[in-house]
Amino acid sequence: AMRGLGTWRNPQELLTLARFVGCTR
């Protein structure tokens, strides 16, 4: 799902609010 982060609302702001943890499948 991380590959789609750029389509989420305000992606640049998102990256200032948290670190993102990718759970591998």
mmCIF file of all heavy atoms, coordinates in Angstrom:
data_MODEL
# 
_entry.id   MODEL 
# 
loop_
_atom_site.group_PDB 
_atom_site.id 
_atom_site.type_symbol 
_atom_site.label_atom_id 
_atom_site.label_alt_id 
_atom_site.label_comp_id 
_atom_site.label_asym_id 
_atom_site.label_entity_id 
_atom_site.label_seq_id 
_atom_site.pdbx_PDB_ins_code 
_atom_site.Cartn_x 
_atom_site.Cartn_y 
_atom_site.Cartn_z 
_atom_site.occupancy 
_atom_site.B_iso_or_equiv 
_atom_site.pdbx_formal_charge 
_atom_site.auth_seq_id 
_atom_site.auth_comp_id 
_atom_site.auth_asym_id 
_atom_site.auth_atom_id 
_atom_site.pdbx_PDB_model_num 
ATOM 1   N N   . ALA A 1 1  ? 0.819   -1.217  0.000  1.00 0.00 ? 1  ALA A N   1 
ATOM 2   C CA  . ALA A 1 1  ? 0.000   0.000   0.000  1.00 0.00 ? 1  ALA A CA  1 
ATOM 3   C C   . ALA A 1 1  ? 0.851   1.265   0.000  1.00 0.00 ? 1  ALA A C   1 
ATOM 4   O O   . ALA A 1 1  ? 0.388   2.329   -0.415 1.00 0.00 ? 1  ALA A O   1 
ATOM 5   C CB  . ALA A 1 1  ? -0.933  0.004   1.208  1.00 0.00 ? 1  ALA A CB  1 
ATOM 6   N N   . MET A 1 2  ? 2.100   1.150   0.449  1.00 0.00 ? 2  MET A N   1 
ATOM 7   C CA  . MET A 1 2  ? 2.976   2.329   0.489  1.00 0.00 ? 2  MET A CA  1 
ATOM 8   C C   . MET A 1 2  ? 3.192   2.931   -0.897 1.00 0.00 ? 2  MET A C   1 
ATOM 9   O O   . MET A 1 2  ? 3.430   4.124   -1.022 1.00 0.00 ? 2  MET A O   1 
ATOM 10  C CB  . MET A 1 2  ? 4.335   1.957   1.085  1.00 0.00 ? 2  MET A CB  1 
ATOM 11  C CG  . MET A 1 2  ? 4.396   2.072   2.584  1.00 0.00 ? 2  MET A CG  1 
ATOM 12  S SD  . MET A 1 2  ? 6.103   1.944   3.133  1.00 0.00 ? 2  MET A SD  1 
ATOM 13  C CE  . MET A 1 2  ? 5.899   2.338   4.858  1.00 0.00 ? 2  MET A CE  1 
ATOM 14  N N   . ARG A 1 3  ? 3.119   2.100   -1.912 1.00 0.00 ? 3  ARG A N   1 
ATOM 15  C CA  . ARG A 1 3  ? 3.347   2.599   -3.274 1.00 0.00 ? 3  ARG A CA  1 
ATOM 16  C C   . ARG A 1 3  ? 2.319   3.650   -3.673 1.00 0.00 ? 3  ARG A C   1 
ATOM 17  O O   . ARG A 1 3  ? 2.565   4.461   -4.546 1.00 0.00 ? 3  ARG A O   1 
ATOM 18  C CB  . ARG A 1 3  ? 3.317   1.433   -4.270 1.00 0.00 ? 3  ARG A CB  1 
ATOM 19  C CG  . ARG A 1 3  ? 4.381   0.375   -4.017 1.00 0.00 ? 3  ARG A CG  1 
ATOM 20  C CD  . ARG A 1 3  ? 4.185   -0.825  -4.928 1.00 0.00 ? 3  ARG A CD  1 
ATOM 21  N NE  . ARG A 1 3  ? 5.060   -1.920  -4.564 1.00 0.00 ? 3  ARG A NE  1 
ATOM 22  C CZ  . ARG A 1 3  ? 6.290   -2.085  -5.035 1.00 0.00 ? 3  ARG A CZ  1 
ATOM 23  N NH1 . ARG A 1 3  ? 6.779   -1.220  -5.901 1.00 0.00 ? 3  ARG A NH1 1 
ATOM 24  N NH2 . ARG A 1 3  ? 7.024   -3.121  -4.663 1.00 0.00 ? 3  ARG A NH2 1 
ATOM 25  N N   . GLY A 1 4  ? 1.157   3.633   -3.020 1.00 0.00 ? 4  GLY A N   1 
ATOM 26  C CA  . GLY A 1 4  ? 0.107   4.588   -3.358 1.00 0.00 ? 4  GLY A CA  1 
ATOM 27  C C   . GLY A 1 4  ? 0.070   5.819   -2.493 1.00 0.00 ? 4  GLY A C   1 
ATOM 28  O O   . GLY A 1 4  ? -0.857  6.630   -2.603 1.00 0.00 ? 4  GLY A O   1 
ATOM 29  N N   . LEU A 1 5  ? 1.066   5.989   -1.615 1.00 0.00 ? 5  LEU A N   1 
ATOM 30  C CA  . LEU A 1 5  ? 1.044   7.125   -0.691 1.00 0.00 ? 5  LEU A CA  1 
ATOM 31  C C   . LEU A 1 5  ? 0.941   8.467   -1.407 1.00 0.00 ? 5  LEU A C   1 
ATOM 32  O O   . LEU A 1 5  ? 0.339   9.400   -0.901 1.00 0.00 ? 5  LEU A O   1 
ATOM 33  C CB  . LEU A 1 5  ? 2.303   7.122   0.182  1.00 0.00 ? 5  LEU A CB  1 
ATOM 34  C CG  . LEU A 1 5  ? 2.228   6.428   1.537  1.00 0.00 ? 5  LEU A CG  1 
ATOM 35  C CD1 . LEU A 1 5  ? 3.564   6.548   2.263  1.00 0.00 ? 5  LEU A CD1 1 
ATOM 36  C CD2 . LEU A 1 5  ? 1.118   7.005   2.391  1.00 0.00 ? 5  LEU A CD2 1 
ATOM 37  N N   . GLY A 1 6  ? 1.533   8.568   -2.577 1.00 0.00 ? 6  GLY A N   1 
ATOM 38  C CA  . GLY A 1 6  ? 1.526   9.828   -3.312 1.00 0.00 ? 6  GLY A CA  1 
ATOM 39  C C   . GLY A 1 6  ? 0.136   10.271  -3.732 1.00 0.00 ? 6  GLY A C   1 
ATOM 40  O O   . GLY A 1 6  ? -0.077  11.451  -4.041 1.00 0.00 ? 6  GLY A O   1 
ATOM 41  N N   . THR A 1 7  ? -0.832  9.350   -3.710 1.00 0.00 ? 7  THR A N   1 
ATOM 42  C CA  . THR A 1 7  ? -2.205  9.682   -4.109 1.00 0.00 ? 7  THR A CA  1 
ATOM 43  C C   . THR A 1 7  ? -3.055  10.083  -2.901 1.00 0.00 ? 7  THR A C   1 
ATOM 44  O O   . THR A 1 7  ? -4.202  10.479  -3.083 1.00 0.00 ? 7  THR A O   1 
ATOM 45  C CB  . THR A 1 7  ? -2.879  8.490   -4.808 1.00 0.00 ? 7  THR A CB  1 
ATOM 46  O OG1 . THR A 1 7  ? -3.060  7.419   -3.860 1.00 0.00 ? 7  THR A OG1 1 
ATOM 47  C CG2 . THR A 1 7  ? -2.038  7.986   -5.969 1.00 0.00 ? 7  THR A CG2 1 
ATOM 48  N N   . TRP A 1 8  ? -2.504  9.968   -1.687 1.00 0.00 ? 8  TRP A N   1 
ATOM 49  C CA  . TRP A 1 8  ? -3.263  10.312  -0.488 1.00 0.00 ? 8  TRP A CA  1 
ATOM 50  C C   . TRP A 1 8  ? -3.320  11.822  -0.336 1.00 0.00 ? 8  TRP A C   1 
ATOM 51  O O   . TRP A 1 8  ? -2.524  12.556  -0.912 1.00 0.00 ? 8  TRP A O   1 
ATOM 52  C CB  . TRP A 1 8  ? -2.615  9.687   0.744  1.00 0.00 ? 8  TRP A CB  1 
ATOM 53  C CG  . TRP A 1 8  ? -2.690  8.192   0.787  1.00 0.00 ? 8  TRP A CG  1 
ATOM 54  C CD1 . TRP A 1 8  ? -2.928  7.350   -0.264 1.00 0.00 ? 8  TRP A CD1 1 
ATOM 55  C CD2 . TRP A 1 8  ? -2.494  7.351   1.925  1.00 0.00 ? 8  TRP A CD2 1 
ATOM 56  N NE1 . TRP A 1 8  ? -2.900  6.049   0.147  1.00 0.00 ? 8  TRP A NE1 1 
ATOM 57  C CE2 . TRP A 1 8  ? -2.632  6.011   1.493  1.00 0.00 ? 8  TRP A CE2 1 
ATOM 58  C CE3 . TRP A 1 8  ? -2.215  7.605   3.262  1.00 0.00 ? 8  TRP A CE3 1 
ATOM 59  C CZ2 . TRP A 1 8  ? -2.503  4.927   2.358  1.00 0.00 ? 8  TRP A CZ2 1 
ATOM 60  C CZ3 . TRP A 1 8  ? -2.085  6.526   4.131  1.00 0.00 ? 8  TRP A CZ3 1 
ATOM 61  C CH2 . TRP A 1 8  ? -2.233  5.209   3.683  1.00 0.00 ? 8  TRP A CH2 1 
ATOM 62  N N   . ARG A 1 9  ? -4.259  12.297  0.470  1.00 0.00 ? 9  ARG A N   1 
ATOM 63  C CA  . ARG A 1 9  ? -4.399  13.737  0.680  1.00 0.00 ? 9  ARG A CA  1 
ATOM 64  C C   . ARG A 1 9  ? -3.152  14.287  1.386  1.00 0.00 ? 9  ARG A C   1 
ATOM 65  O O   . ARG A 1 9  ? -2.693  13.746  2.378  1.00 0.00 ? 9  ARG A O   1 
ATOM 66  C CB  . ARG A 1 9  ? -5.647  14.032  1.513  1.00 0.00 ? 9  ARG A CB  1 
ATOM 67  C CG  . ARG A 1 9  ? -5.758  15.498  1.931  1.00 0.00 ? 9  ARG A CG  1 
ATOM 68  C CD  . ARG A 1 9  ? -7.087  15.825  2.566  1.00 0.00 ? 9  ARG A CD  1 
ATOM 69  N NE  . ARG A 1 9  ? -8.119  15.968  1.543  1.00 0.00 ? 9  ARG A NE  1 
ATOM 70  C CZ  . ARG A 1 9  ? -9.351  16.425  1.802  1.00 0.00 ? 9  ARG A CZ  1 
ATOM 71  N NH1 . ARG A 1 9  ? -9.691  16.762  3.029  1.00 0.00 ? 9  ARG A NH1 1 
ATOM 72  N NH2 . ARG A 1 9  ? -10.239 16.526  0.836  1.00 0.00 ? 9  ARG A NH2 1 
ATOM 73  N N   . ASN A 1 10 ? -2.617  15.385  0.850  1.00 0.00 ? 10 ASN A N   1 
ATOM 74  C CA  . ASN A 1 10 ? -1.465  16.098  1.432  1.00 0.00 ? 10 ASN A CA  1 
ATOM 75  C C   . ASN A 1 10 ? -0.299  15.167  1.769  1.00 0.00 ? 10 ASN A C   1 
ATOM 76  O O   . ASN A 1 10 ? 0.144   15.098  2.922  1.00 0.00 ? 10 ASN A O   1 
ATOM 77  C CB  . ASN A 1 10 ? -1.878  16.871  2.690  1.00 0.00 ? 10 ASN A CB  1 
ATOM 78  C CG  . ASN A 1 10 ? -2.950  17.900  2.428  1.00 0.00 ? 10 ASN A CG  1 
ATOM 79  O OD1 . ASN A 1 10 ? -3.171  18.301  1.284  1.00 0.00 ? 10 ASN A OD1 1 
ATOM 80  N ND2 . ASN A 1 10 ? -3.622  18.337  3.469  1.00 0.00 ? 10 ASN A ND2 1 
ATOM 81  N N   . PRO A 1 11 ? 0.225   14.451  0.762  1.00 0.00 ? 11 PRO A N   1 
ATOM 82  C CA  . PRO A 1 11 ? 1.279   13.463  1.056  1.00 0.00 ? 11 PRO A CA  1 
ATOM 83  C C   . PRO A 1 11 ? 2.533   14.069  1.670  1.00 0.00 ? 11 PRO A C   1 
ATOM 84  O O   . PRO A 1 11 ? 3.169   13.431  2.517  1.00 0.00 ? 11 PRO A O   1 
ATOM 85  C CB  . PRO A 1 11 ? 1.568   12.832  -0.312 1.00 0.00 ? 11 PRO A CB  1 
ATOM 86  C CG  . PRO A 1 11 ? 1.061   13.817  -1.315 1.00 0.00 ? 11 PRO A CG  1 
ATOM 87  C CD  . PRO A 1 11 ? -0.103  14.485  -0.675 1.00 0.00 ? 11 PRO A CD  1 
ATOM 88  N N   . GLN A 1 12 ? 2.897   15.293  1.296  1.00 0.00 ? 12 GLN A N   1 
ATOM 89  C CA  . GLN A 1 12 ? 4.099   15.899  1.877  1.00 0.00 ? 12 GLN A CA  1 
ATOM 90  C C   . GLN A 1 12 ? 3.907   16.217  3.353  1.00 0.00 ? 12 GLN A C   1 
ATOM 91  O O   . GLN A 1 12 ? 4.820   16.040  4.170  1.00 0.00 ? 12 GLN A O   1 
ATOM 92  C CB  . GLN A 1 12 ? 4.488   17.160  1.089  1.00 0.00 ? 12 GLN A CB  1 
ATOM 93  C CG  . GLN A 1 12 ? 4.970   16.873  -0.327 1.00 0.00 ? 12 GLN A CG  1 
ATOM 94  C CD  . GLN A 1 12 ? 6.099   15.844  -0.345 1.00 0.00 ? 12 GLN A CD  1 
ATOM 95  O OE1 . GLN A 1 12 ? 7.053   15.940  0.408  1.00 0.00 ? 12 GLN A OE1 1 
ATOM 96  N NE2 . GLN A 1 12 ? 5.975   14.858  -1.230 1.00 0.00 ? 12 GLN A NE2 1 
ATOM 97  N N   . GLU A 1 13 ? 2.706   16.681  3.706  1.00 0.00 ? 13 GLU A N   1 
ATOM 98  C CA  . GLU A 1 13 ? 2.428   16.938  5.116  1.00 0.00 ? 13 GLU A CA  1 
ATOM 99  C C   . GLU A 1 13 ? 2.425   15.637  5.909  1.00 0.00 ? 13 GLU A C   1 
ATOM 100 O O   . GLU A 1 13 ? 2.913   15.586  7.050  1.00 0.00 ? 13 GLU A O   1 
ATOM 101 C CB  . GLU A 1 13 ? 1.087   17.657  5.284  1.00 0.00 ? 13 GLU A CB  1 
ATOM 102 C CG  . GLU A 1 13 ? 0.772   17.989  6.743  1.00 0.00 ? 13 GLU A CG  1 
ATOM 103 C CD  . GLU A 1 13 ? -0.594  18.636  6.938  1.00 0.00 ? 13 GLU A CD  1 
ATOM 104 O OE1 . GLU A 1 13 ? -1.243  18.987  5.939  1.00 0.00 ? 13 GLU A OE1 1 
ATOM 105 O OE2 . GLU A 1 13 ? -1.007  18.775  8.109  1.00 0.00 ? 13 GLU A OE2 1 
ATOM 106 N N   . LEU A 1 14 ? 1.891   14.578  5.307  1.00 0.00 ? 14 LEU A N   1 
ATOM 107 C CA  . LEU A 1 14 ? 1.857   13.279  5.970  1.00 0.00 ? 14 LEU A CA  1 
ATOM 108 C C   . LEU A 1 14 ? 3.245   12.872  6.458  1.00 0.00 ? 14 LEU A C   1 
ATOM 109 O O   . LEU A 1 14 ? 3.414   12.375  7.574  1.00 0.00 ? 14 LEU A O   1 
ATOM 110 C CB  . LEU A 1 14 ? 1.356   12.208  4.995  1.00 0.00 ? 14 LEU A CB  1 
ATOM 111 C CG  . LEU A 1 14 ? -0.133  11.913  4.927  1.00 0.00 ? 14 LEU A CG  1 
ATOM 112 C CD1 . LEU A 1 14 ? -0.397  10.881  3.855  1.00 0.00 ? 14 LEU A CD1 1 
ATOM 113 C CD2 . LEU A 1 14 ? -0.646  11.433  6.270  1.00 0.00 ? 14 LEU A CD2 1 
ATOM 114 N N   . LEU A 1 15 ? 4.250   13.101  5.606  1.00 0.00 ? 15 LEU A N   1 
ATOM 115 C CA  . LEU A 1 15 ? 5.605   12.658  5.915  1.00 0.00 ? 15 LEU A CA  1 
ATOM 116 C C   . LEU A 1 15 ? 6.251   13.488  7.019  1.00 0.00 ? 15 LEU A C   1 
ATOM 117 O O   . LEU A 1 15 ? 7.320   13.127  7.508  1.00 0.00 ? 15 LEU A O   1 
ATOM 118 C CB  . LEU A 1 15 ? 6.464   12.681  4.651  1.00 0.00 ? 15 LEU A CB  1 
ATOM 119 C CG  . LEU A 1 15 ? 6.012   11.705  3.559  1.00 0.00 ? 15 LEU A CG  1 
ATOM 120 C CD1 . LEU A 1 15 ? 6.885   11.834  2.322  1.00 0.00 ? 15 LEU A CD1 1 
ATOM 121 C CD2 . LEU A 1 15 ? 6.061   10.267  4.077  1.00 0.00 ? 15 LEU A CD2 1 
ATOM 122 N N   . THR A 1 16 ? 5.616   14.587  7.409  1.00 0.00 ? 16 THR A N   1 
ATOM 123 C CA  . THR A 1 16 ? 6.122   15.370  8.538  1.00 0.00 ? 16 THR A CA  1 
ATOM 124 C C   . THR A 1 16 ? 5.447   14.956  9.847  1.00 0.00 ? 16 THR A C   1 
ATOM 125 O O   . THR A 1 16 ? 5.903   15.334  10.925 1.00 0.00 ? 16 THR A O   1 
ATOM 126 C CB  . THR A 1 16 ? 5.891   16.883  8.325  1.00 0.00 ? 16 THR A CB  1 
ATOM 127 O OG1 . THR A 1 16 ? 4.483   17.168  8.411  1.00 0.00 ? 16 THR A OG1 1 
ATOM 128 C CG2 . THR A 1 16 ? 6.424   17.341  6.984  1.00 0.00 ? 16 THR A CG2 1 
ATOM 129 N N   . LEU A 1 17 ? 4.359   14.195  9.736  1.00 0.00 ? 17 LEU A N   1 
ATOM 130 C CA  . LEU A 1 17 ? 3.575   13.845  10.925 1.00 0.00 ? 17 LEU A CA  1 
ATOM 131 C C   . LEU A 1 17 ? 3.955   12.500  11.522 1.00 0.00 ? 17 LEU A C   1 
ATOM 132 O O   . LEU A 1 17 ? 3.702   12.239  12.698 1.00 0.00 ? 17 LEU A O   1 
ATOM 133 C CB  . LEU A 1 17 ? 2.076   13.825  10.576 1.00 0.00 ? 17 LEU A CB  1 
ATOM 134 C CG  . LEU A 1 17 ? 1.476   15.165  10.145 1.00 0.00 ? 17 LEU A CG  1 
ATOM 135 C CD1 . LEU A 1 17 ? 0.046   14.969  9.652  1.00 0.00 ? 17 LEU A CD1 1 
ATOM 136 C CD2 . LEU A 1 17 ? 1.503   16.158  11.303 1.00 0.00 ? 17 LEU A CD2 1 
ATOM 137 N N   . ALA A 1 18 ? 4.537   11.609  10.707 1.00 0.00 ? 18 ALA A N   1 
ATOM 138 C CA  . ALA A 1 18 ? 4.852   10.262  11.176 1.00 0.00 ? 18 ALA A CA  1 
ATOM 139 C C   . ALA A 1 18 ? 5.904   9.639   10.277 1.00 0.00 ? 18 ALA A C   1 
ATOM 140 O O   . ALA A 1 18 ? 6.121   10.085  9.146  1.00 0.00 ? 18 ALA A O   1 
ATOM 141 C CB  . ALA A 1 18 ? 3.590   9.392   11.186 1.00 0.00 ? 18 ALA A CB  1 
ATOM 142 N N   . ARG A 1 19 ? 6.539   8.605   10.798 1.00 0.00 ? 19 ARG A N   1 
ATOM 143 C CA  . ARG A 1 19 ? 7.330   7.720   9.947  1.00 0.00 ? 19 ARG A CA  1 
ATOM 144 C C   . ARG A 1 19 ? 6.401   6.584   9.525  1.00 0.00 ? 19 ARG A C   1 
ATOM 145 O O   . ARG A 1 19 ? 5.471   6.229   10.257 1.00 0.00 ? 19 ARG A O   1 
ATOM 146 C CB  . ARG A 1 19 ? 8.557   7.202   10.691 1.00 0.00 ? 19 ARG A CB  1 
ATOM 147 C CG  . ARG A 1 19 ? 9.506   8.326   11.073 1.00 0.00 ? 19 ARG A CG  1 
ATOM 148 C CD  . ARG A 1 19 ? 10.661  7.823   11.900 1.00 0.00 ? 19 ARG A CD  1 
ATOM 149 N NE  . ARG A 1 19 ? 11.636  7.125   11.067 1.00 0.00 ? 19 ARG A NE  1 
ATOM 150 C CZ  . ARG A 1 19 ? 12.728  6.530   11.561 1.00 0.00 ? 19 ARG A CZ  1 
ATOM 151 N NH1 . ARG A 1 19 ? 12.955  6.544   12.860 1.00 0.00 ? 19 ARG A NH1 1 
ATOM 152 N NH2 . ARG A 1 19 ? 13.577  5.923   10.757 1.00 0.00 ? 19 ARG A NH2 1 
ATOM 153 N N   . PHE A 1 20 ? 6.639   6.017   8.355  1.00 0.00 ? 20 PHE A N   1 
ATOM 154 C CA  . PHE A 1 20 ? 5.739   5.014   7.806  1.00 0.00 ? 20 PHE A CA  1 
ATOM 155 C C   . PHE A 1 20 ? 6.415   3.646   7.821  1.00 0.00 ? 20 PHE A C   1 
ATOM 156 O O   . PHE A 1 20 ? 7.536   3.494   7.346  1.00 0.00 ? 20 PHE A O   1 
ATOM 157 C CB  . PHE A 1 20 ? 5.286   5.414   6.398  1.00 0.00 ? 20 PHE A CB  1 
ATOM 158 C CG  . PHE A 1 20 ? 4.260   6.510   6.424  1.00 0.00 ? 20 PHE A CG  1 
ATOM 159 C CD1 . PHE A 1 20 ? 4.634   7.822   6.678  1.00 0.00 ? 20 PHE A CD1 1 
ATOM 160 C CD2 . PHE A 1 20 ? 2.919   6.228   6.262  1.00 0.00 ? 20 PHE A CD2 1 
ATOM 161 C CE1 . PHE A 1 20 ? 3.690   8.834   6.753  1.00 0.00 ? 20 PHE A CE1 1 
ATOM 162 C CE2 . PHE A 1 20 ? 1.963   7.228   6.338  1.00 0.00 ? 20 PHE A CE2 1 
ATOM 163 C CZ  . PHE A 1 20 ? 2.349   8.530   6.580  1.00 0.00 ? 20 PHE A CZ  1 
ATOM 164 N N   . VAL A 1 21 ? 5.711   2.684   8.406  1.00 0.00 ? 21 VAL A N   1 
ATOM 165 C CA  . VAL A 1 21 ? 6.243   1.338   8.593  1.00 0.00 ? 21 VAL A CA  1 
ATOM 166 C C   . VAL A 1 21 ? 5.568   0.400   7.608  1.00 0.00 ? 21 VAL A C   1 
ATOM 167 O O   . VAL A 1 21 ? 4.344   0.190   7.677  1.00 0.00 ? 21 VAL A O   1 
ATOM 168 C CB  . VAL A 1 21 ? 6.005   0.838   10.030 1.00 0.00 ? 21 VAL A CB  1 
ATOM 169 C CG1 . VAL A 1 21 ? 6.641   -0.536  10.222 1.00 0.00 ? 21 VAL A CG1 1 
ATOM 170 C CG2 . VAL A 1 21 ? 6.535   1.844   11.045 1.00 0.00 ? 21 VAL A CG2 1 
ATOM 171 N N   . GLY A 1 22 ? 6.335   -0.148  6.691  1.00 0.00 ? 22 GLY A N   1 
ATOM 172 C CA  . GLY A 1 22 ? 5.802   -1.079  5.713  1.00 0.00 ? 22 GLY A CA  1 
ATOM 173 C C   . GLY A 1 22 ? 5.910   -2.505  6.221  1.00 0.00 ? 22 GLY A C   1 
ATOM 174 O O   . GLY A 1 22 ? 7.009   -3.004  6.472  1.00 0.00 ? 22 GLY A O   1 
ATOM 175 N N   . CYS A 1 23 ? 4.773   -3.160  6.400  1.00 0.00 ? 23 CYS A N   1 
ATOM 176 C CA  . CYS A 1 23 ? 4.748   -4.568  6.808  1.00 0.00 ? 23 CYS A CA  1 
ATOM 177 C C   . CYS A 1 23 ? 4.791   -5.414  5.543  1.00 0.00 ? 23 CYS A C   1 
ATOM 178 O O   . CYS A 1 23 ? 3.879   -5.336  4.715  1.00 0.00 ? 23 CYS A O   1 
ATOM 179 C CB  . CYS A 1 23 ? 3.472   -4.871  7.595  1.00 0.00 ? 23 CYS A CB  1 
ATOM 180 S SG  . CYS A 1 23 ? 3.355   -3.945  9.138  1.00 0.00 ? 23 CYS A SG  1 
ATOM 181 N N   . THR A 1 24 ? 5.845   -6.196  5.387  1.00 0.00 ? 24 THR A N   1 
ATOM 182 C CA  . THR A 1 24 ? 6.016   -6.959  4.159  1.00 0.00 ? 24 THR A CA  1 
ATOM 183 C C   . THR A 1 24 ? 5.095   -8.171  4.148  1.00 0.00 ? 24 THR A C   1 
ATOM 184 O O   . THR A 1 24 ? 4.899   -8.832  5.159  1.00 0.00 ? 24 THR A O   1 
ATOM 185 C CB  . THR A 1 24 ? 7.469   -7.419  3.975  1.00 0.00 ? 24 THR A CB  1 
ATOM 186 O OG1 . THR A 1 24 ? 7.851   -8.199  5.117  1.00 0.00 ? 24 THR A OG1 1 
ATOM 187 C CG2 . THR A 1 24 ? 8.406   -6.244  3.840  1.00 0.00 ? 24 THR A CG2 1 
ATOM 188 N N   . ARG A 1 25 ? 4.549   -8.429  2.967  1.00 0.00 ? 25 ARG A N   1 
ATOM 189 C CA  . ARG A 1 25 ? 3.745   -9.616  2.731  1.00 0.00 ? 25 ARG A CA  1 
ATOM 190 C C   . ARG A 1 25 ? 4.473   -10.449 1.681  1.00 0.00 ? 25 ARG A C   1 
ATOM 191 O O   . ARG A 1 25 ? 5.308   -9.928  0.940  1.00 0.00 ? 25 ARG A O   1 
ATOM 192 C CB  . ARG A 1 25 ? 2.371   -9.235  2.171  1.00 0.00 ? 25 ARG A CB  1 
ATOM 193 C CG  . ARG A 1 25 ? 1.526   -8.387  3.087  1.00 0.00 ? 25 ARG A CG  1 
ATOM 194 C CD  . ARG A 1 25 ? 0.226   -8.059  2.389  1.00 0.00 ? 25 ARG A CD  1 
ATOM 195 N NE  . ARG A 1 25 ? -0.656  -7.245  3.217  1.00 0.00 ? 25 ARG A NE  1 
ATOM 196 C CZ  . ARG A 1 25 ? -1.838  -6.818  2.807  1.00 0.00 ? 25 ARG A CZ  1 
ATOM 197 N NH1 . ARG A 1 25 ? -2.261  -7.115  1.592  1.00 0.00 ? 25 ARG A NH1 1 
ATOM 198 N NH2 . ARG A 1 25 ? -2.591  -6.086  3.598  1.00 0.00 ? 25 ARG A NH2 1 
# 
